[in-house]
């Protein structure tokens, strides 16, 4: 059986990926909050936000350093 080929643009694929990621994050956070409680979920959110910020800051600093050395 031949299915018609669907060629989606890169923007549509990115939006689908982001939407799937958001839905997964919501489902996992609801499950975690239901098991552990609101305070633990809030502290986990703060911790992951700080970790993400640290990863972004370090990568930006390293990329700036490599651009300056050129």
Protein backbone atom coordinates (compact mmCIF):
# COMPACT_ATOMS: atom_id res chain seq x y z
CA UNK A 1 0.00 0.00 0.00
CA UNK A 2 1.49 3.31 -1.07
CA UNK A 3 0.84 6.18 1.27
CA UNK A 4 1.04 9.72 -0.06
CA UNK A 5 4.25 11.41 0.92
CA UNK A 6 3.81 14.28 3.34
CA UNK A 7 6.50 16.92 3.14
CA UNK A 8 6.14 19.24 6.09
CA UNK A 9 8.20 22.34 6.41
CA UNK A 10 10.81 22.59 9.10
CA UNK A 11 8.66 25.09 11.02
CA UNK A 12 5.75 22.65 11.25
CA UNK A 13 8.03 19.84 12.42
CA UNK A 14 9.55 22.13 15.06
CA UNK A 15 6.09 23.13 16.29
CA UNK A 16 5.04 19.47 16.49
CA UNK A 17 8.17 18.62 18.45
CA UNK A 18 7.67 21.56 20.83
CA UNK A 19 4.00 20.66 21.32
CA UNK A 20 4.83 17.03 22.06
CA UNK A 21 7.56 18.10 24.48
CA UNK A 22 5.22 20.49 26.29
CA UNK A 23 2.48 17.88 26.62
CA UNK A 24 4.99 15.34 27.94
CA UNK A 25 6.36 17.85 30.45
CA UNK A 26 2.85 18.70 31.66
CA UNK A 27 1.94 15.04 32.08
CA UNK A 28 5.15 14.24 33.94
CA UNK A 29 4.93 17.30 36.19
CA UNK A 30 1.30 16.52 37.06
CA UNK A 31 2.27 12.94 37.94
CA UNK A 32 5.20 14.16 40.06
CA UNK A 33 3.06 16.77 41.80
CA UNK A 34 0.35 14.21 42.56
CA UNK A 35 2.89 11.83 44.11
CA UNK A 36 5.28 14.21 45.88
CA UNK A 37 3.26 17.31 46.68
CA UNK A 38 3.20 20.91 45.54
CA UNK A 39 6.24 22.12 47.51
CA UNK A 40 8.51 19.37 46.19
CA UNK A 41 7.30 20.01 42.65
CA UNK A 42 7.98 23.74 43.06
CA UNK A 43 11.49 23.09 44.38
CA UNK A 44 12.18 20.66 41.53
CA UNK A 45 11.01 23.33 39.05
CA UNK A 46 13.34 25.91 40.61
CA UNK A 47 16.24 23.45 40.55
CA UNK A 48 15.74 22.47 36.92
CA UNK A 49 15.36 26.12 35.92
CA UNK A 50 18.66 26.98 37.57
CA UNK A 51 20.35 24.00 35.93
CA UNK A 52 19.03 24.99 32.51
CA UNK A 53 20.16 28.59 33.03
CA UNK A 54 23.61 27.37 34.03
CA UNK A 55 23.87 25.17 30.93
CA UNK A 56 22.84 28.05 28.66
CA UNK A 57 25.17 30.56 30.32
CA UNK A 58 28.18 28.23 30.17
CA UNK A 59 27.56 27.36 26.53
CA UNK A 60 27.22 31.06 25.59
CA UNK A 61 30.41 31.94 27.46
CA UNK A 62 32.31 29.11 25.79
CA UNK A 63 31.06 30.03 22.33
CA UNK A 64 31.97 33.70 22.91
CA UNK A 65 35.45 32.65 24.00
CA UNK A 66 35.94 30.53 20.88
CA UNK A 67 34.75 33.40 18.66
CA UNK A 68 37.13 35.84 20.35
CA UNK A 69 40.12 33.57 19.79
CA UNK A 70 39.59 33.55 16.00
